């Protein structure tokens, strides 16, 4: 039996249907609101607006739940590989052994990038941010790989190229920025191991792979693989709704992720912890964060969706402890992070405002421990988020209710005004 809500205005009554999600979520379908009433809704920042129906990721922010295609992220982080997680998100189910092998072979076969692309890298100014370069290079891939005639084959090939080449592009940009010899992908290495080797192998110091470091990167990427309709995912869907190529849509997602309030937050956390360590002003930092008149805030605390402890943060905290212990690293920033967390979890202000550590709070410490430069943190985030972006884009183009994204607005500017000639102004 369908349900509806009633909207009453000036004695007129309008009925709007209620939509139910598989986990009991409820939404009022306002798609006919303007047609029936002449009204639109205003929801700045879209905090209460659902832009689509999706079967990919489920989040319950009040209970701290995150699932990909129904599977808890904790189970995927513990048991799955990143390739399995990517396959799950994009195809809607976990692969069989045969499917995973075929998927791995495809990723390996397409991991090289066109040699002519090196000219792009070598002509970017040395001060260019890696995220700007990555966004540009992903968009440029379309020029190097002509479109196929069969649409399904084209989509599958583009998906494979993106997943396999983005890690190569990222490692390539790092090596060229350092003036080091480029390291190519190896067929004998798995996805995460290959990336680490391309980043850190050197003719004078061969890189020794550590299974705990590889697992830390794998878990980092799994935890970041998708996160529902966040800023960058919404950008991918919005740009994709214009039926642009997947390359262009992903490029838009990378550009959105670049922001310090989104993907750049883990870099901001490291910078904040470093400043606290240098100035030894933890108490002052906490007090400033609680002062509404002070623009300062503790990065890595609180989340737009989670009102409980971010489930990804618990996993990254354990990973930080394990990796630093394995590598015999004593990082004062981890000590400061733990002390800050202990203060926040006991402080009434933080509890009242649901300011618990999020995934960015510990992920930067893990990336720093395994040798990733701070300005590459967001690039690592982008590689991890790529399967989610692809899955969301693919779901949107297959949606029979697809429409070009076109939000409306409430105009608050001047009413009609006559043009004044320049000599009379």
Protein backbone atom coordinates (compact mmCIF):
# COMPACT_ATOMS: atom_id res chain seq x y z
CA UNK A 1 0.00 0.00 0.00
CA UNK A 2 1.47 3.35 -1.05
CA UNK A 3 1.75 6.19 1.43
CA UNK A 4 1.70 9.94 0.93
CA UNK A 5 2.02 13.18 2.85
CA UNK A 6 -0.30 16.14 2.57
CA UNK A 7 0.84 19.70 1.99
CA UNK A 8 -1.72 22.36 2.86
CA UNK A 9 -1.30 25.96 1.70
CA UNK A 10 -4.00 28.66 1.61
CA UNK A 11 -6.69 26.06 2.05
CA UNK A 12 -5.45 23.98 -0.88
CA UNK A 13 -4.35 20.40 -0.22
CA UNK A 14 -1.71 18.55 -2.20
CA UNK A 15 -0.58 14.92 -1.88
CA UNK A 16 3.03 13.87 -2.36
CA UNK A 17 4.10 10.20 -2.40
CA UNK A 18 6.47 8.71 0.20
CA UNK A 19 9.40 6.62 -1.05
CA UNK A 20 10.89 3.87 1.17
CA UNK A 21 14.45 2.59 0.96
CA UNK A 22 15.42 -1.03 1.66
CA UNK A 23 16.84 -0.06 5.08
CA UNK A 24 13.69 1.83 6.13
CA UNK A 25 14.78 5.27 4.94
CA UNK A 26 11.89 7.55 4.00
CA UNK A 27 11.71 10.35 1.47
CA UNK A 28 8.98 12.65 0.20
CA UNK A 29 8.90 12.56 -3.59
CA UNK A 30 8.71 16.23 -4.61
CA UNK A 31 9.31 15.66 -8.33
CA UNK A 32 5.79 16.97 -9.13
CA UNK A 33 5.78 19.71 -6.46
CA UNK A 34 6.28 22.68 -8.79
CA UNK A 35 3.82 21.29 -11.33
CA UNK A 36 1.13 20.83 -8.67
CA UNK A 37 1.77 23.85 -6.45
CA UNK A 38 4.05 26.35 -8.18
CA UNK A 39 6.54 25.94 -5.32
CA UNK A 40 10.09 24.62 -5.25
CA UNK A 41 12.02 23.61 -2.13
CA UNK A 42 15.08 25.38 -0.73
CA UNK A 43 17.73 23.21 0.93
CA UNK A 44 21.08 24.98 1.07
CA UNK A 45 23.88 22.42 0.84
CA UNK A 46 21.37 19.66 0.03
CA UNK A 47 21.53 18.31 3.60
CA UNK A 48 17.93 17.06 3.40
CA UNK A 49 17.64 16.37 -0.32
CA UNK A 50 17.99 12.99 -2.01
CA UNK A 51 19.29 13.38 -5.55
CA UNK A 52 18.79 9.77 -6.62
CA UNK A 53 17.86 6.22 -5.66
CA UNK A 54 20.99 4.08 -5.37
CA UNK A 55 21.80 0.44 -4.63
CA UNK A 56 25.53 0.97 -4.08
CA UNK A 57 26.32 2.27 -0.59
CA UNK A 58 24.34 2.45 2.64
CA UNK A 59 25.27 4.82 5.47
CA UNK A 60 23.56 5.20 8.83
CA UNK A 61 25.25 8.21 10.37
CA UNK A 62 23.48 7.91 13.71
CA UNK A 63 24.64 4.31 14.23
CA UNK A 64 28.02 4.57 12.50
CA UNK A 65 27.21 2.03 9.75
CA UNK A 66 28.83 1.86 6.30
CA UNK A 67 28.12 -0.96 3.82
CA UNK A 68 29.03 -1.51 0.16
CA UNK A 69 26.29 -3.43 -1.68
CA UNK A 70 25.08 -4.62 1.73
CA UNK A 71 28.48 -5.86 2.99
CA UNK A 72 29.84 -4.07 6.12
CA UNK A 73 33.01 -2.15 5.35
CA UNK A 74 34.66 -3.78 8.38
CA UNK A 75 34.35 -7.19 6.69
CA UNK A 76 35.72 -5.92 3.39
CA UNK A 77 38.68 -4.24 5.12
CA UNK A 78 39.44 -7.49 6.96
CA UNK A 79 38.95 -10.05 4.19
CA UNK A 80 38.75 -8.46 0.72
CA UNK A 81 41.33 -7.16 -1.72
CA UNK A 82 40.91 -3.75 -3.30
CA UNK A 83 40.23 -5.38 -6.67
CA UNK A 84 37.42 -7.46 -5.14
CA UNK A 85 35.95 -4.32 -3.59
CA UNK A 86 36.16 -2.44 -6.89
CA UNK A 87 34.48 -5.34 -8.71
CA UNK A 88 31.75 -5.46 -6.04
CA UNK A 89 30.97 -1.76 -6.32
CA UNK A 90 31.01 -1.63 -10.12
CA UNK A 91 29.27 -4.93 -10.87
CA UNK A 92 26.99 -5.27 -7.86
CA UNK A 93 28.44 -8.50 -6.46
CA UNK A 94 31.70 -10.11 -5.38
CA UNK A 95 33.60 -11.84 -8.20
CA UNK A 96 34.16 -15.58 -8.51
CA UNK A 97 37.78 -16.73 -8.55
CA UNK A 98 37.67 -16.98 -12.35
CA UNK A 99 36.15 -13.49 -12.71
CA UNK A 100 38.72 -12.01 -10.33
CA UNK A 101 41.58 -13.60 -12.27
CA UNK A 102 40.23 -12.25 -15.56
CA UNK A 103 39.74 -8.81 -13.96
CA UNK A 104 43.34 -8.86 -12.63
CA UNK A 105 44.73 -9.78 -16.04
CA UNK A 106 42.81 -6.93 -17.70
CA UNK A 107 44.06 -4.43 -15.12
CA UNK A 108 47.61 -5.60 -15.68
CA UNK A 109 47.33 -5.52 -19.49
CA UNK A 110 46.09 -1.92 -19.46
CA UNK A 111 48.32 -0.50 -16.73
CA UNK A 112 50.79 1.22 -19.06
CA UNK A 113 50.11 4.78 -20.22
CA UNK A 114 50.94 6.20 -23.61
CA UNK A 115 54.55 7.40 -23.68
CA UNK A 116 53.48 10.68 -25.29
CA UNK A 117 51.70 11.57 -22.04
CA UNK A 118 55.07 12.08 -20.37
CA UNK A 119 55.42 15.31 -22.34
CA UNK A 120 52.42 16.70 -20.45
CA UNK A 121 53.97 15.90 -17.10
CA UNK A 122 57.34 17.34 -18.00
CA UNK A 123 55.77 20.66 -19.02
CA UNK A 124 53.63 21.25 -15.94
CA UNK A 125 55.28 23.85 -13.67
CA UNK A 126 57.14 22.11 -10.82
CA UNK A 127 54.90 23.87 -8.30
CA UNK A 128 51.73 22.30 -9.76
CA UNK A 129 49.61 20.38 -7.26
CA UNK A 130 49.36 16.63 -8.05
CA UNK A 131 45.54 16.77 -7.92
CA UNK A 132 45.39 19.42 -10.63
CA UNK A 133 47.74 17.33 -12.75
CA UNK A 134 45.77 14.13 -12.16
CA UNK A 135 42.46 15.76 -13.08
CA UNK A 136 43.98 17.09 -16.31
CA UNK A 137 45.64 13.80 -17.22
CA UNK A 138 42.49 11.72 -16.65
CA UNK A 139 40.60 14.03 -18.99
CA UNK A 140 43.46 13.77 -21.50
CA UNK A 141 43.20 9.95 -21.57
CA UNK A 142 40.21 10.27 -23.89
CA UNK A 143 42.45 11.79 -26.57
CA UNK A 144 44.86 8.85 -26.47
CA UNK A 145 42.28 6.06 -26.51
CA UNK A 146 39.72 6.36 -29.35
CA UNK A 147 36.08 5.52 -28.70
CA UNK A 148 34.84 2.01 -29.50
CA UNK A 149 31.68 1.49 -31.54
CA UNK A 150 29.95 -0.94 -29.15
CA UNK A 151 28.63 1.07 -26.18
CA UNK A 152 28.87 -1.73 -23.58
CA UNK A 153 32.35 -2.67 -24.77
CA UNK A 154 33.36 1.00 -24.68
CA UNK A 155 32.15 1.39 -21.09
CA UNK A 156 33.88 -1.80 -19.91
CA UNK A 157 37.14 -0.83 -21.62
CA UNK A 158 37.03 2.72 -20.24
CA UNK A 159 36.38 1.39 -16.73
CA UNK A 160 39.34 -0.99 -17.03
CA UNK A 161 41.63 1.70 -18.42
CA UNK A 162 40.78 4.12 -15.64
CA UNK A 163 41.24 1.62 -12.81
CA UNK A 164 44.54 0.37 -14.18
CA UNK A 165 46.05 3.61 -15.47
CA UNK A 166 45.15 6.06 -12.68
CA UNK A 167 47.61 4.47 -10.24
CA UNK A 168 50.28 4.54 -12.99
CA UNK A 169 49.52 8.21 -13.73
CA UNK A 170 49.80 9.05 -10.02
CA UNK A 171 53.14 7.27 -9.58
CA UNK A 172 54.43 8.77 -12.82
CA UNK A 173 53.63 12.29 -11.67
CA UNK A 174 55.46 11.71 -8.39
CA UNK A 175 58.59 10.32 -10.06
CA UNK A 176 58.76 13.09 -12.67
CA UNK A 177 58.20 15.78 -10.02
CA UNK A 178 61.24 14.41 -8.16
CA UNK A 179 63.33 14.17 -11.31
CA UNK A 180 63.65 10.41 -10.80
CA UNK A 181 63.64 7.55 -13.28
CA UNK A 182 60.09 6.40 -14.07
CA UNK A 183 59.22 2.91 -12.82
CA UNK A 184 56.80 0.87 -14.91
CA UNK A 185 54.16 -1.58 -13.64
CA UNK A 186 55.23 -5.18 -13.10
CA UNK A 187 53.05 -8.13 -14.17
CA UNK A 188 54.07 -10.17 -11.12
CA UNK A 189 52.77 -7.65 -8.58
CA UNK A 190 49.21 -7.15 -7.34
CA UNK A 191 47.36 -3.83 -7.56
CA UNK A 192 48.53 -2.20 -4.31
CA UNK A 193 52.03 -3.69 -4.41
CA UNK A 194 52.48 -2.44 -7.96
CA UNK A 195 51.61 1.11 -6.98
CA UNK A 196 54.04 1.15 -4.05
CA UNK A 197 56.79 -0.26 -6.25
CA UNK A 198 56.15 2.35 -8.97
CA UNK A 199 56.30 5.07 -6.31
CA UNK A 200 59.39 4.03 -4.39
CA UNK A 201 61.56 1.65 -6.41
CA UNK A 202 64.89 3.13 -7.49
CA UNK A 203 67.92 1.93 -9.50
CA UNK A 204 70.12 2.71 -6.50
CA UNK A 205 67.75 1.42 -3.81
CA UNK A 206 65.34 -1.34 -4.86
CA UNK A 207 62.06 -1.11 -2.97
CA UNK A 208 61.35 -3.95 -0.56
CA UNK A 209 57.66 -4.68 -0.27
CA UNK A 210 56.34 -5.16 3.26
CA UNK A 211 53.07 -7.08 3.52
CA UNK A 212 51.83 -4.92 6.41
CA UNK A 213 52.49 -1.75 4.41
CA UNK A 214 50.73 -3.25 1.38
CA UNK A 215 47.78 -4.21 3.60
CA UNK A 216 47.64 -0.69 5.09
CA UNK A 217 47.35 0.82 1.61
CA UNK A 218 44.77 -1.81 0.60
CA UNK A 219 42.64 -1.05 3.67
CA UNK A 220 42.99 2.71 3.08
CA UNK A 221 41.70 2.32 -0.47
CA UNK A 222 38.86 -0.01 0.54
CA UNK A 223 37.67 2.41 3.24
CA UNK A 224 37.63 5.25 0.70
CA UNK A 225 36.12 3.28 -2.21
CA UNK A 226 32.67 4.88 -1.95
CA UNK A 227 30.72 7.06 0.44
CA UNK A 228 27.27 7.65 -0.98
CA UNK A 229 26.36 11.10 -2.43
CA UNK A 230 29.29 13.17 -1.15
CA UNK A 231 30.61 16.28 -2.90
CA UNK A 232 32.87 14.56 -5.45
CA UNK A 233 30.42 11.72 -6.18
CA UNK A 234 27.64 14.24 -6.71
CA UNK A 235 29.98 16.11 -9.06
CA UNK A 236 30.56 12.90 -11.06
CA UNK A 237 26.81 12.28 -11.29
CA UNK A 238 26.03 15.91 -12.14
CA UNK A 239 28.65 16.21 -14.87
CA UNK A 240 27.83 12.69 -16.07
CA UNK A 241 24.15 13.63 -16.40
CA UNK A 242 25.15 15.75 -19.40
CA UNK A 243 26.26 12.47 -21.01
CA UNK A 244 29.92 13.43 -21.15
CA UNK A 245 32.59 10.72 -21.34
CA UNK A 246 33.46 8.80 -18.18
CA UNK A 247 36.91 10.42 -18.32
CA UNK A 248 35.38 13.91 -18.08
CA UNK A 249 33.04 12.90 -15.25
CA UNK A 250 35.88 11.35 -13.22
CA UNK A 251 38.05 14.42 -13.90
CA UNK A 252 35.28 16.54 -12.34
CA UNK A 253 35.19 14.24 -9.32
CA UNK A 254 38.95 14.60 -8.84
CA UNK A 255 38.65 18.40 -9.00
CA UNK A 256 35.88 18.34 -6.36
CA UNK A 257 37.86 15.97 -4.13
CA UNK A 258 40.77 18.40 -4.17
CA UNK A 259 39.00 20.75 -1.72
CA UNK A 260 40.31 20.94 1.88
CA UNK A 261 36.84 20.24 3.29
CA UNK A 262 36.56 17.02 1.29
CA UNK A 263 39.48 14.89 0.08
CA UNK A 264 42.13 17.33 1.25
CA UNK A 265 41.08 16.94 4.88
CA UNK A 266 43.68 14.25 5.70
CA UNK A 267 46.44 16.59 4.53
CA UNK A 268 44.90 19.36 6.64
CA UNK A 269 44.94 17.04 9.69
CA UNK A 270 48.69 16.42 9.34
CA UNK A 271 49.34 20.14 8.96
CA UNK A 272 47.22 20.86 12.06
CA UNK A 273 48.92 18.15 14.16
CA UNK A 274 52.34 19.39 13.02
CA UNK A 275 51.47 22.93 14.09
CA UNK A 276 50.26 21.72 17.50
CA UNK A 277 53.46 19.71 17.94
CA UNK A 278 55.62 22.66 16.97
CA UNK A 279 53.87 25.24 19.16
CA UNK A 280 52.94 22.79 21.95
CA UNK A 281 49.53 24.45 22.18
CA UNK A 282 47.09 21.52 22.35
CA UNK A 283 45.01 23.00 25.16
CA UNK A 284 44.72 26.32 23.34
CA UNK A 285 43.76 24.53 20.11
CA UNK A 286 40.93 22.69 21.87
CA UNK A 287 39.65 25.90 23.43
CA UNK A 288 39.79 27.72 20.10
CA UNK A 289 37.82 24.89 18.45
CA UNK A 290 35.06 25.36 21.06
CA UNK A 291 34.89 29.14 20.54
CA UNK A 292 32.09 29.90 18.07
CA UNK A 293 33.63 33.28 17.26
CA UNK A 294 36.98 31.72 16.30
CA UNK A 295 37.20 30.39 12.69
CA UNK A 296 39.75 27.78 13.80
CA UNK A 297 38.56 24.18 13.89
CA UNK A 298 40.11 20.83 14.68
CA UNK A 299 40.49 19.06 11.35
CA UNK A 300 39.49 15.39 11.33
CA UNK A 301 36.69 15.82 13.89
CA UNK A 302 33.01 15.62 13.02
CA UNK A 303 31.35 14.62 9.78
CA UNK A 304 28.45 15.85 7.67
CA UNK A 305 26.76 12.43 7.87
CA UNK A 306 28.17 10.60 10.90
CA UNK A 307 26.75 11.62 14.26
CA UNK A 308 28.50 8.66 15.89
CA UNK A 309 32.10 7.46 15.59
CA UNK A 310 33.09 7.07 11.93
CA UNK A 311 33.47 3.26 11.46
CA UNK A 312 36.39 3.86 9.08
CA UNK A 313 38.26 5.84 11.75
CA UNK A 314 38.32 2.85 14.13
CA UNK A 315 39.93 0.71 11.44
CA UNK A 316 42.49 3.37 10.46
CA UNK A 317 43.43 3.95 14.11
CA UNK A 318 44.30 0.25 14.51
CA UNK A 319 46.15 0.33 11.20
CA UNK A 320 48.20 3.34 12.34
CA UNK A 321 49.28 1.51 15.49
CA UNK A 322 50.18 -1.63 13.55
CA UNK A 323 52.12 0.05 10.74
CA UNK A 324 54.13 2.35 12.99
CA UNK A 325 55.01 -0.56 15.29
CA UNK A 326 56.01 -2.76 12.34
CA UNK A 327 58.17 -0.05 10.78
CA UNK A 328 59.56 0.90 14.19
CA UNK A 329 58.48 4.51 13.72
CA UNK A 330 57.84 6.81 16.64
CA UNK A 331 55.62 9.54 15.24
CA UNK A 332 54.82 12.31 17.73
CA UNK A 333 51.82 13.23 15.59
CA UNK A 334 50.16 9.89 16.43
CA UNK A 335 50.65 10.59 20.14
CA UNK A 336 49.09 14.04 19.71
CA UNK A 337 46.22 12.58 17.69
CA UNK A 338 45.43 10.02 20.39
CA UNK A 339 45.60 12.67 23.11
CA UNK A 340 43.28 14.94 21.15
CA UNK A 341 40.84 12.09 20.65
CA UNK A 342 40.89 11.25 24.36
CA UNK A 343 40.14 14.89 25.23
CA UNK A 344 37.33 15.12 22.67
CA UNK A 345 35.60 11.91 23.73
CA UNK A 346 35.35 13.20 27.30
CA UNK A 347 34.52 16.84 26.56
CA UNK A 348 30.84 17.81 26.78
CA UNK A 349 31.14 20.27 23.89
CA UNK A 350 32.49 17.66 21.47
CA UNK A 351 30.00 15.03 22.64
CA UNK A 352 27.05 17.42 22.35
CA UNK A 353 28.08 18.47 18.82
CA UNK A 354 28.87 14.87 17.72
CA UNK A 355 32.49 15.80 17.00
CA UNK A 356 34.09 12.37 16.89
CA UNK A 357 37.24 11.52 14.88
CA UNK A 358 36.55 10.75 11.23
CA UNK A 359 38.59 8.66 8.79
CA UNK A 360 40.84 11.60 7.88
CA UNK A 361 42.08 11.89 11.45
CA UNK A 362 44.24 8.75 11.29
CA UNK A 363 44.58 8.06 7.56
CA UNK A 364 47.16 10.80 7.05
CA UNK A 365 49.36 9.31 9.77
CA UNK A 366 49.23 5.92 8.02
CA UNK A 367 50.09 7.41 4.61
CA UNK A 368 52.90 9.45 6.17
CA UNK A 369 54.31 6.30 7.82
CA UNK A 370 54.50 4.38 4.55
CA UNK A 371 56.31 7.27 2.87
CA UNK A 372 53.59 9.04 0.89
CA UNK A 373 54.37 12.79 0.59
CA UNK A 374 51.72 15.05 2.14
CA UNK A 375 50.78 16.67 -1.18
CA UNK A 376 50.02 13.18 -2.58
CA UNK A 377 47.52 12.27 0.17
CA UNK A 378 44.49 13.43 -1.81
CA UNK A 379 45.77 11.64 -4.92
CA UNK A 380 45.76 8.40 -2.92
CA UNK A 381 42.19 9.22 -1.83
CA UNK A 382 41.22 9.70 -5.51
CA UNK A 383 42.62 6.31 -6.51
CA UNK A 384 40.64 4.68 -3.70
CA UNK A 385 37.42 6.53 -4.56
CA UNK A 386 37.64 5.71 -8.28
CA UNK A 387 35.59 2.45 -8.12
CA UNK A 388 32.80 4.29 -6.30
CA UNK A 389 32.76 7.12 -8.83
CA UNK A 390 32.61 4.62 -11.68
CA UNK A 391 29.81 2.64 -10.00
CA UNK A 392 27.79 5.79 -9.34
CA UNK A 393 28.27 7.04 -12.91
CA UNK A 394 27.29 3.67 -14.35
CA UNK A 395 24.21 3.43 -12.14
CA UNK A 396 23.11 6.92 -13.17
CA UNK A 397 23.38 6.28 -16.92
CA UNK A 398 21.41 3.03 -16.54
CA UNK A 399 18.67 4.78 -14.53
CA UNK A 400 15.39 4.78 -16.54
CA UNK A 401 14.42 7.95 -14.66
CA UNK A 402 17.62 9.73 -15.73
CA UNK A 403 17.43 13.48 -16.16
CA UNK A 404 19.96 16.20 -16.80
CA UNK A 405 20.80 17.70 -13.39
CA UNK A 406 19.34 21.18 -13.27
CA UNK A 407 18.70 22.56 -9.75
CA UNK A 408 16.55 25.65 -9.37
CA UNK A 409 17.14 28.69 -7.17
CA UNK A 410 15.35 31.38 -5.22
CA UNK A 411 16.27 34.66 -6.88
CA UNK A 412 16.98 37.48 -4.37
CA UNK A 413 18.53 40.08 -6.70
CA UNK A 414 17.08 43.43 -7.87
CA UNK A 415 13.77 43.54 -9.74
CA UNK A 416 13.64 44.69 -13.36
CA UNK A 417 15.93 47.70 -13.82
CA UNK A 418 16.42 49.83 -16.93
CA UNK A 419 19.81 50.00 -18.57
CA UNK A 420 21.61 53.33 -17.98
CA UNK A 421 23.88 54.63 -20.81
CA UNK A 422 27.51 54.99 -19.75
CA UNK A 423 27.53 58.83 -19.91
CA UNK A 424 24.57 59.02 -17.51
CA UNK A 425 25.96 56.75 -14.78
